Amino acid sequence: MNQVFDSYAAYYDLLYRDKDYIAEAEHVASYIREHAPQAKRILEFGCGTGVHAEHLARMGFNVVGVDLSETMLTRAKARQAEMSTEIANRISFIKGDVRNIRTGETYDAVISLFHVMSYQTTNVDLEDTFTTAATHLTTGGVFLCDFWYGPAVLSQRPGVRVKHLENEKARVLRIAEPEMFPNENKVDVNYTLLIEEIGTGNIQRMFEKHCMRYLFKPELELLMKYSGFHPESFTEWMTDNPMSCEGWNSVLIARRTA
């Protein structure tokens, strides 16, 4: 997963401008308040350009965001610079790998959103990331992560997707072409981006490969057992419905027990 977002980080917010970050942050906050009512400090794995962190800070949390991409962090810090002092002071960003970073502090909650866990494509990657979460949590603290749910991926199967977006600076065409590796529980999503600069007509072409692992409940339960977690819930992301073959995106909430 080394810096897979660097090539198109400049267009990341445009590509995901239809993502309802406020609703997602509110949903995450509701989970945290339910399972850890006294929580104040959050560590976010894969913070990207810092949008979730901003909204969580506006809800009163102190957030430390970690990301491997320097380009993403630059954009996150630029966003932070435009916030009020009160909100900006509740956020900090750190460059690091979620598999091995150690901040030297503990938190009430660790969150991992937008499929960061599914970027951990090997067993070692997953084990190390769960260990990182456990290391940074207070006893009784909660770990929340969303992920690609294996039965839904296998039932629906990924297909080619095309996305057109535009702002005052550029027109972007993104094509996502998946390749499945069922023996590895993995999908390689091959992205082609065509970016036309408005005004000059210059066109730039970019390619990126995002390797994604789909996950199953039993393997996550095993990971939790050996990482010092107790599973609190498995649900469909943003609906709280039971996980099913109809929804790719699911969410796990676990409590650190030791």
C-alpha atoms as a PDB file:
ATOM      1  CA  MET A   1       0.000   0.000   0.000  1.00  0.00           C
ATOM      2  CA  ASN A   2       3.026   2.276  -0.221  1.00  0.00           C
ATOM      3  CA  GLN A   3       1.763   5.733  -1.025  1.00  0.00           C
ATOM      4  CA  VAL A   4      -0.770   4.455  -3.535  1.00  0.00           C
ATOM      5  CA  PHE A   5      -2.649   7.736  -3.353  1.00  0.00           C
ATOM      6  CA  ASP A   6       0.272  10.051  -4.093  1.00  0.00           C
ATOM      7  CA  SER A   7      -0.229  10.264  -7.860  1.00  0.00           C
ATOM      8  CA  TYR A   8      -3.749  11.650  -7.701  1.00  0.00           C
ATOM      9  CA  ALA A   9      -3.797  13.195  -4.217  1.00  0.00           C
ATOM     10  CA  ALA A  10      -4.272  16.591  -5.857  1.00  0.00           C
ATOM     11  CA  TYR A  11      -7.608  15.345  -7.223  1.00  0.00           C
ATOM     12  CA  TYR A  12      -8.628  13.212  -4.244  1.00  0.00           C
ATOM     13  CA  ASP A  13     -11.124  15.677  -2.773  1.00  0.00           C
ATOM     14  CA  LEU A  14     -12.663  16.214  -6.211  1.00  0.00           C
ATOM     15  CA  LEU A  15     -12.995  12.466  -6.800  1.00  0.00           C
ATOM     16  CA  TYR A  16     -14.764  12.007  -3.476  1.00  0.00           C
ATOM     17  CA  ARG A  17     -16.668  15.264  -3.205  1.00  0.00           C
ATOM     18  CA  ASP A  18     -19.948  13.299  -3.240  1.00  0.00           C
ATOM     19  CA  LYS A  19     -18.870  11.359  -0.148  1.00  0.00           C
ATOM     20  CA  ASP A  20     -20.929  12.422   2.863  1.00  0.00           C
ATOM     21  CA  TYR A  21     -18.091  12.971   5.317  1.00  0.00           C
ATOM     22  CA  ILE A  22     -20.306  14.769   7.826  1.00  0.00           C
ATOM     23  CA  ALA A  23     -22.787  11.876   8.049  1.00  0.00           C
ATOM     24  CA  GLU A  24     -19.945   9.383   8.297  1.00  0.00           C
ATOM     25  CA  ALA A  25     -18.224  11.354  11.069  1.00  0.00           C
ATOM     26  CA  GLU A  26     -21.526  11.610  12.941  1.00  0.00           C
ATOM     27  CA  HIS A  27     -21.999   7.867  12.592  1.00  0.00           C
ATOM     28  CA  VAL A  28     -18.488   7.181  13.895  1.00  0.00           C
ATOM     29  CA  ALA A  29     -19.062   9.581  16.785  1.00  0.00           C
ATOM     30  CA  SER A  30     -22.292   7.774  17.678  1.00  0.00           C
ATOM     31  CA  TYR A  31     -20.455   4.440  17.777  1.00  0.00           C
ATOM     32  CA  ILE A  32     -17.725   5.880  19.981  1.00  0.00           C
ATOM     33  CA  ARG A  33     -20.189   7.522  22.352  1.00  0.00           C
ATOM     34  CA  GLU A  34     -22.143   4.282  22.633  1.00  0.00           C
ATOM     35  CA  HIS A  35     -19.153   2.040  23.322  1.00  0.00           C
ATOM     36  CA  ALA A  36     -16.796   4.518  25.046  1.00  0.00           C
ATOM     37  CA  PRO A  37     -18.937   7.374  26.430  1.00  0.00           C
ATOM     38  CA  GLN A  38     -15.993   9.183  28.049  1.00  0.00           C
ATOM     39  CA  ALA A  39     -13.838   9.121  24.913  1.00  0.00           C
ATOM     40  CA  LYS A  40     -12.057  12.339  23.992  1.00  0.00           C
ATOM     41  CA  ARG A  41      -8.906  11.305  22.123  1.00  0.00           C
ATOM     42  CA  ILE A  42      -8.989   9.521  18.746  1.00  0.00           C
ATOM     43  CA  LEU A  43      -6.190   8.075  16.649  1.00  0.00           C
ATOM     44  CA  GLU A  44      -7.162   7.822  12.979  1.00  0.00           C
ATOM     45  CA  PHE A  45      -5.427   5.341  10.682  1.00  0.00           C
ATOM     46  CA  GLY A  46      -5.202   6.551   7.071  1.00  0.00           C
ATOM     47  CA  CYS A  47      -6.505  10.076   7.637  1.00  0.00           C
ATOM     48  CA  GLY A  48      -6.063  11.132   3.999  1.00  0.00           C
ATOM     49  CA  THR A  49      -6.779  14.819   3.470  1.00  0.00           C
ATOM     50  CA  GLY A  50      -8.183  15.160   6.977  1.00  0.00           C
ATOM     51  CA  VAL A  51     -11.895  15.608   6.298  1.00  0.00           C
ATOM     52  CA  HIS A  52     -13.119  13.055   8.836  1.00  0.00           C
ATOM     53  CA  ALA A  53     -10.666  14.449  11.384  1.00  0.00           C
ATOM     54  CA  GLU A  54     -12.028  17.954  10.874  1.00  0.00           C
ATOM     55  CA  HIS A  55     -15.641  16.952  11.440  1.00  0.00           C
ATOM     56  CA  LEU A  56     -14.784  14.841  14.477  1.00  0.00           C
ATOM     57  CA  ALA A  57     -12.858  17.792  15.923  1.00  0.00           C
ATOM     58  CA  ARG A  58     -15.929  19.976  15.387  1.00  0.00           C
ATOM     59  CA  MET A  59     -17.833  17.445  17.500  1.00  0.00           C
ATOM     60  CA  GLY A  60     -15.409  17.977  20.370  1.00  0.00           C
ATOM     61  CA  PHE A  61     -12.894  15.157  19.889  1.00  0.00           C
ATOM     62  CA  ASN A  62      -9.115  15.555  19.771  1.00  0.00           C
ATOM     63  CA  VAL A  63      -7.829  13.706  16.724  1.00  0.00           C
ATOM     64  CA  VAL A  64      -4.367  12.526  15.693  1.00  0.00           C
ATOM     65  CA  GLY A  65      -4.352  11.510  12.036  1.00  0.00           C
ATOM     66  CA  VAL A  66      -1.767   9.128  10.581  1.00  0.00           C
ATOM     67  CA  ASP A  67      -1.119   8.664   6.878  1.00  0.00           C
ATOM     68  CA  LEU A  68       1.691   7.214   4.782  1.00  0.00           C
ATOM     69  CA  SER A  69       1.287   9.717   1.946  1.00  0.00           C
ATOM     70  CA  GLU A  70       3.188  12.969   2.345  1.00  0.00           C
ATOM     71  CA  THR A  71       1.062  14.504  -0.391  1.00  0.00           C
ATOM     72  CA  MET A  72      -2.154  13.656   1.447  1.00  0.00           C
ATOM     73  CA  LEU A  73      -0.771  15.071   4.685  1.00  0.00           C
ATOM     74  CA  THR A  74       0.220  18.291   2.941  1.00  0.00           C
ATOM     75  CA  ARG A  75      -3.379  18.728   1.842  1.00  0.00           C
ATOM     76  CA  ALA A  76      -4.650  17.827   5.314  1.00  0.00           C
ATOM     77  CA  LYS A  77      -2.426  20.455   6.912  1.00  0.00           C
ATOM     78  CA  ALA A  78      -3.529  23.038   4.341  1.00  0.00           C
ATOM     79  CA  ARG A  79      -7.133  22.267   5.309  1.00  0.00           C
ATOM     80  CA  GLN A  80      -6.209  22.597   8.975  1.00  0.00           C
ATOM     81  CA  ALA A  81      -4.657  26.011   8.360  1.00  0.00           C
ATOM     82  CA  GLU A  82      -8.037  27.307   7.169  1.00  0.00           C
ATOM     83  CA  MET A  83      -9.896  26.170  10.309  1.00  0.00           C
ATOM     84  CA  SER A  84     -10.587  28.277  13.340  1.00  0.00           C
ATOM     85  CA  THR A  85      -7.882  28.129  15.992  1.00  0.00           C
ATOM     86  CA  GLU A  86     -10.213  26.262  18.336  1.00  0.00           C
ATOM     87  CA  ILE A  87     -10.828  23.437  15.865  1.00  0.00           C
ATOM     88  CA  ALA A  88      -7.298  23.332  14.438  1.00  0.00           C
ATOM     89  CA  ASN A  89      -5.824  22.920  17.914  1.00  0.00           C
ATOM     90  CA  ARG A  90      -7.781  19.680  18.335  1.00  0.00           C
ATOM     91  CA  ILE A  91      -6.077  18.054  15.335  1.00  0.00           C
ATOM     92  CA  SER A  92      -2.558  16.929  14.551  1.00  0.00           C
ATOM     93  CA  PHE A  93      -1.210  14.919  11.624  1.00  0.00           C
ATOM     94  CA  ILE A  94       1.677  12.460  11.581  1.00  0.00           C
ATOM     95  CA  LYS A  95       3.357  10.647   8.715  1.00  0.00           C
ATOM     96  CA  GLY A  96       3.547   6.951   9.442  1.00  0.00           C
ATOM     97  CA  ASP A  97       2.690   3.391   8.505  1.00  0.00           C
ATOM     98  CA  VAL A  98      -0.280   1.990  10.419  1.00  0.00           C
ATOM     99  CA  ARG A  99       1.479  -1.380  10.562  1.00  0.00           C
ATOM    100  CA  ASN A 100       4.305  -0.121  12.735  1.00  0.00           C
ATOM    101  CA  ILE A 101       3.840   3.471  13.883  1.00  0.00           C
ATOM    102  CA  ARG A 102       4.168   4.157  17.604  1.00  0.00           C
ATOM    103  CA  THR A 103       3.137   7.624  18.754  1.00  0.00           C
ATOM    104  CA  GLY A 104       4.136   7.050  22.373  1.00  0.00           C
ATOM    105  CA  GLU A 105       0.623   7.948  23.546  1.00  0.00           C
ATOM    106  CA  THR A 106      -2.644   6.158  24.214  1.00  0.00           C
ATOM    107  CA  TYR A 107      -6.120   7.024  22.976  1.00  0.00           C
ATOM    108  CA  ASP A 108      -9.726   6.300  23.861  1.00  0.00           C
ATOM    109  CA  ALA A 109     -10.549   5.190  20.330  1.00  0.00           C
ATOM    110  CA  VAL A 110      -8.704   4.135  17.193  1.00  0.00           C
ATOM    111  CA  ILE A 111     -10.584   4.445  13.910  1.00  0.00           C
ATOM    112  CA  SER A 112      -9.754   3.222  10.426  1.00  0.00           C
ATOM    113  CA  LEU A 113     -12.090   4.401   7.679  1.00  0.00           C
ATOM    114  CA  PHE A 114     -12.499   4.216   3.907  1.00  0.00           C
ATOM    115  CA  HIS A 115     -11.247   0.617   3.694  1.00  0.00           C
ATOM    116  CA  VAL A 116      -7.778   1.219   5.135  1.00  0.00           C
ATOM    117  CA  MET A 117      -7.958  -2.271   6.649  1.00  0.00           C
ATOM    118  CA  SER A 118      -8.622  -3.778   3.225  1.00  0.00           C
ATOM    119  CA  TYR A 119      -5.333  -2.271   2.018  1.00  0.00           C
ATOM    120  CA  GLN A 120      -3.604  -4.644   4.451  1.00  0.00           C
ATOM    121  CA  THR A 121      -3.371  -7.467   1.945  1.00  0.00           C
ATOM    122  CA  THR A 122      -1.206  -9.984   3.810  1.00  0.00           C
ATOM    123  CA  ASN A 123      -1.814 -11.773   7.096  1.00  0.00           C
ATOM    124  CA  VAL A 124       1.240 -10.057   8.554  1.00  0.00           C
ATOM    125  CA  ASP A 125      -0.095  -6.648   7.486  1.00  0.00           C
ATOM    126  CA  LEU A 126      -3.402  -7.323   9.240  1.00  0.00           C
ATOM    127  CA  GLU A 127      -1.779  -8.687  12.384  1.00  0.00           C
ATOM    128  CA  ASP A 128       0.585  -5.734  12.609  1.00  0.00           C
ATOM    129  CA  THR A 129      -2.209  -3.198  12.112  1.00  0.00           C
ATOM    130  CA  PHE A 130      -4.362  -4.779  14.807  1.00  0.00           C
ATOM    131  CA  THR A 131      -1.322  -4.764  17.098  1.00  0.00           C
ATOM    132  CA  THR A 132      -0.778  -1.071  16.362  1.00  0.00           C
ATOM    133  CA  ALA A 133      -4.385  -0.364  17.302  1.00  0.00           C
ATOM    134  CA  ALA A 134      -4.146  -2.372  20.533  1.00  0.00           C
ATOM    135  CA  THR A 135      -0.853  -0.720  21.478  1.00  0.00           C
ATOM    136  CA  HIS A 136      -2.390   2.753  21.260  1.00  0.00           C
ATOM    137  CA  LEU A 137      -5.635   2.054  23.100  1.00  0.00           C
ATOM    138  CA  THR A 138      -6.350   2.417  26.772  1.00  0.00           C
ATOM    139  CA  THR A 139      -7.808  -0.704  28.369  1.00  0.00           C
ATOM    140  CA  GLY A 140     -11.485  -0.648  27.464  1.00  0.00           C
ATOM    141  CA  GLY A 141     -10.850   1.614  24.495  1.00  0.00           C
ATOM    142  CA  VAL A 142     -12.520   0.852  21.170  1.00  0.00           C
ATOM    143  CA  PHE A 143     -11.212   0.077  17.705  1.00  0.00           C
ATOM    144  CA  LEU A 144     -13.546   0.850  14.784  1.00  0.00           C
ATOM    145  CA  CYS A 145     -12.685  -0.121  11.232  1.00  0.00           C
ATOM    146  CA  ASP A 146     -14.606  -0.565   8.025  1.00  0.00           C
ATOM    147  CA  PHE A 147     -13.640  -3.174   5.432  1.00  0.00           C
ATOM    148  CA  TRP A 148     -14.673  -4.983   2.274  1.00  0.00           C
ATOM    149  CA  TYR A 149     -16.926  -7.846   3.379  1.00  0.00           C
ATOM    150  CA  GLY A 150     -15.894 -11.054   1.623  1.00  0.00           C
ATOM    151  CA  PRO A 151     -19.281 -12.737   1.086  1.00  0.00           C
ATOM    152  CA  ALA A 152     -20.647  -9.584  -0.566  1.00  0.00           C
ATOM    153  CA  VAL A 153     -17.598  -9.175  -2.817  1.00  0.00           C
ATOM    154  CA  LEU A 154     -17.823 -12.804  -3.949  1.00  0.00           C
ATOM    155  CA  SER A 155     -21.588 -12.577  -4.414  1.00  0.00           C
ATOM    156  CA  GLN A 156     -21.670  -9.326  -6.372  1.00  0.00           C
ATOM    157  CA  ARG A 157     -18.152  -9.404  -7.884  1.00  0.00           C
ATOM    158  CA  PRO A 158     -16.409  -6.147  -8.779  1.00  0.00           C
ATOM    159  CA  GLY A 159     -16.899  -4.645 -12.233  1.00  0.00           C
ATOM    160  CA  VAL A 160     -15.491  -1.840 -14.336  1.00  0.00           C
ATOM    161  CA  ARG A 161     -16.543   1.579 -13.045  1.00  0.00           C
ATOM    162  CA  VAL A 162     -16.262   4.980 -14.737  1.00  0.00           C
ATOM    163  CA  LYS A 163     -16.471   8.318 -12.957  1.00  0.00           C
ATOM    164  CA  HIS A 164     -16.606  11.808 -14.496  1.00  0.00           C
ATOM    165  CA  LEU A 165     -15.902  14.865 -12.335  1.00  0.00           C
ATOM    166  CA  GLU A 166     -15.155  18.511 -12.893  1.00  0.00           C
ATOM    167  CA  ASN A 167     -14.304  21.663 -10.987  1.00  0.00           C
ATOM    168  CA  GLU A 168     -13.043  25.093 -11.985  1.00  0.00           C
ATOM    169  CA  LYS A 169      -9.542  23.742 -12.618  1.00  0.00           C
ATOM    170  CA  ALA A 170      -9.910  20.350 -14.243  1.00  0.00           C
ATOM    171  CA  ARG A 171     -12.098  17.690 -15.779  1.00  0.00           C
ATOM    172  CA  VAL A 172     -11.314  14.199 -14.519  1.00  0.00           C
ATOM    173  CA  LEU A 173     -12.238  10.841 -15.995  1.00  0.00           C
ATOM    174  CA  ARG A 174     -11.425   7.874 -13.780  1.00  0.00           C
ATOM    175  CA  ILE A 175     -11.724   4.278 -14.949  1.00  0.00           C
ATOM    176  CA  ALA A 176     -11.465   1.478 -12.390  1.00  0.00           C
ATOM    177  CA  GLU A 177     -10.738  -1.983 -13.786  1.00  0.00           C
ATOM    178  CA  PRO A 178     -10.658  -4.808 -11.216  1.00  0.00           C
ATOM    179  CA  GLU A 179      -8.743  -8.083 -11.337  1.00  0.00           C
ATOM    180  CA  MET A 180      -9.697 -10.752  -8.794  1.00  0.00           C
ATOM    181  CA  PHE A 181      -7.361 -13.180  -7.057  1.00  0.00           C
ATOM    182  CA  PRO A 182      -9.754 -15.432  -5.119  1.00  0.00           C
ATOM    183  CA  ASN A 183      -7.069 -17.664  -3.621  1.00  0.00           C
ATOM    184  CA  GLU A 184      -5.598 -14.579  -1.947  1.00  0.00           C
ATOM    185  CA  ASN A 185      -8.939 -12.934  -1.080  1.00  0.00           C
ATOM    186  CA  LYS A 186      -7.692  -9.962  -3.063  1.00  0.00           C
ATOM    187  CA  VAL A 187      -8.830  -7.572  -5.791  1.00  0.00           C
ATOM    188  CA  ASP A 188      -6.381  -5.378  -7.689  1.00  0.00           C
ATOM    189  CA  VAL A 189      -8.194  -2.215  -8.753  1.00  0.00           C
ATOM    190  CA  ASN A 190      -6.359  -0.676 -11.703  1.00  0.00           C
ATOM    191  CA  TYR A 191      -7.130   3.026 -12.001  1.00  0.00           C
ATOM    192  CA  THR A 192      -6.655   5.105 -15.123  1.00  0.00           C
ATOM    193  CA  LEU A 193      -7.138   8.852 -14.707  1.00  0.00           C
ATOM    194  CA  LEU A 194      -7.398  11.330 -17.565  1.00  0.00           C
ATOM    195  CA  ILE A 195      -7.122  14.906 -16.313  1.00  0.00           C
ATOM    196  CA  GLU A 196      -7.866  17.821 -18.621  1.00  0.00           C
ATOM    197  CA  GLU A 197      -6.711  21.207 -17.403  1.00  0.00           C
ATOM    198  CA  ILE A 198      -9.442  23.746 -17.994  1.00  0.00           C
ATOM    199  CA  GLY A 199      -8.184  26.766 -19.862  1.00  0.00           C
ATOM    200  CA  THR A 200      -5.178  25.138 -21.515  1.00  0.00           C
ATOM    201  CA  GLY A 201      -6.696  21.845 -22.642  1.00  0.00           C
ATOM    202  CA  ASN A 202      -3.572  20.006 -21.490  1.00  0.00           C
ATOM    203  CA  ILE A 203      -4.292  16.360 -20.718  1.00  0.00           C
ATOM    204  CA  GLN A 204      -2.447  14.262 -18.156  1.00  0.00           C
ATOM    205  CA  ARG A 205      -2.749  10.518 -17.840  1.00  0.00           C
ATOM    206  CA  MET A 206      -2.149   8.677 -14.550  1.00  0.00           C
ATOM    207  CA  PHE A 207      -2.163   5.020 -13.577  1.00  0.00           C
ATOM    208  CA  GLU A 208      -2.411   3.500 -10.108  1.00  0.00           C
ATOM    209  CA  LYS A 209      -2.980   0.023  -8.780  1.00  0.00           C
ATOM    210  CA  HIS A 210      -4.825  -0.369  -5.472  1.00  0.00           C
ATOM    211  CA  CYS A 211      -4.525  -3.862  -4.006  1.00  0.00           C
ATOM    212  CA  MET A 212      -7.547  -4.597  -1.798  1.00  0.00           C
ATOM    213  CA  ARG A 213      -8.266  -7.567   0.448  1.00  0.00           C
ATOM    214  CA  TYR A 214     -11.791  -8.629   1.281  1.00  0.00           C
ATOM    215  CA  LEU A 215     -12.251  -9.954   4.789  1.00  0.00           C
ATOM    216  CA  PHE A 216     -14.419 -12.500   6.572  1.00  0.00           C
ATOM    217  CA  LYS A 217     -15.863 -12.496  10.068  1.00  0.00           C
ATOM    218  CA  PRO A 218     -14.046 -15.636  11.337  1.00  0.00           C
ATOM    219  CA  GLU A 219     -10.591 -14.340  10.369  1.00  0.00           C
ATOM    220  CA  LEU A 220     -11.302 -10.993  12.002  1.00  0.00           C
ATOM    221  CA  GLU A 221     -12.477 -12.752  15.156  1.00  0.00           C
ATOM    222  CA  LEU A 222      -9.219 -14.716  15.192  1.00  0.00           C
ATOM    223  CA  LEU A 223      -7.184 -11.533  14.732  1.00  0.00           C
ATOM    224  CA  MET A 224      -9.010  -9.900  17.620  1.00  0.00           C
ATOM    225  CA  LYS A 225      -8.445 -12.900  19.887  1.00  0.00           C
ATOM    226  CA  TYR A 226      -4.681 -12.746  19.425  1.00  0.00           C
ATOM    227  CA  SER A 227      -4.498  -8.945  19.537  1.00  0.00           C
ATOM    228  CA  GLY A 228      -6.258  -8.481  22.872  1.00  0.00           C
ATOM    229  CA  PHE A 229      -9.660  -7.399  21.549  1.00  0.00           C
ATOM    230  CA  HIS A 230     -13.211  -8.454  22.246  1.00  0.00           C
ATOM    231  CA  PRO A 231     -15.646  -8.027  19.322  1.00  0.00           C
ATOM    232  CA  GLU A 232     -18.492  -5.675  20.163  1.00  0.00           C
ATOM    233  CA  SER A 233     -20.338  -5.704  16.846  1.00  0.00           C
ATOM    234  CA  PHE A 234     -20.223  -6.447  13.114  1.00  0.00           C
ATOM    235  CA  THR A 235     -22.677  -4.451  11.018  1.00  0.00           C
ATOM    236  CA  GLU A 236     -23.186  -2.994   7.579  1.00  0.00           C
ATOM    237  CA  TRP A 237     -21.524   0.404   7.319  1.00  0.00           C
ATOM    238  CA  MET A 238     -23.829   3.393   7.890  1.00  0.00           C
ATOM    239  CA  THR A 239     -26.995   1.325   8.318  1.00  0.00           C
ATOM    240  CA  ASP A 240     -26.383  -0.819  11.432  1.00  0.00           C
ATOM    241  CA  ASN A 241     -28.052  -3.691   9.577  1.00  0.00           C
ATOM    242  CA  PRO A 242     -26.508  -7.161   9.886  1.00  0.00           C
ATOM    243  CA  MET A 243     -23.726  -7.891   7.415  1.00  0.00           C
ATOM    244  CA  SER A 244     -25.008  -9.579   4.279  1.00  0.00           C
ATOM    245  CA  CYS A 245     -24.157 -10.451   0.697  1.00  0.00           C
ATOM    246  CA  GLU A 246     -25.868  -7.221  -0.350  1.00  0.00           C
ATOM    247  CA  GLY A 247     -23.361  -4.786   1.153  1.00  0.00           C
ATOM    248  CA  TRP A 248     -19.618  -4.660   0.501  1.00  0.00           C
ATOM    249  CA  ASN A 249     -18.805  -2.157   3.202  1.00  0.00           C
ATOM    250  CA  SER A 250     -19.029  -3.438   6.758  1.00  0.00           C
ATOM    251  CA  VAL A 251     -17.772  -2.133  10.081  1.00  0.00           C
ATOM    252  CA  LEU A 252     -16.213  -3.854  13.071  1.00  0.00           C
ATOM    253  CA  ILE A 253     -16.183  -2.424  16.586  1.00  0.00           C
ATOM    254  CA  ALA A 254     -13.847  -4.115  19.068  1.00  0.00           C
ATOM    255  CA  ARG A 255     -12.881  -3.360  22.655  1.00  0.00           C
ATOM    256  CA  ARG A 256      -9.371  -3.697  23.977  1.00  0.00           C
ATOM    257  CA  THR A 257      -9.497  -6.120  26.871  1.00  0.00           C
ATOM    258  CA  ALA A 258      -5.831  -6.406  27.853  1.00  0.00           C
END
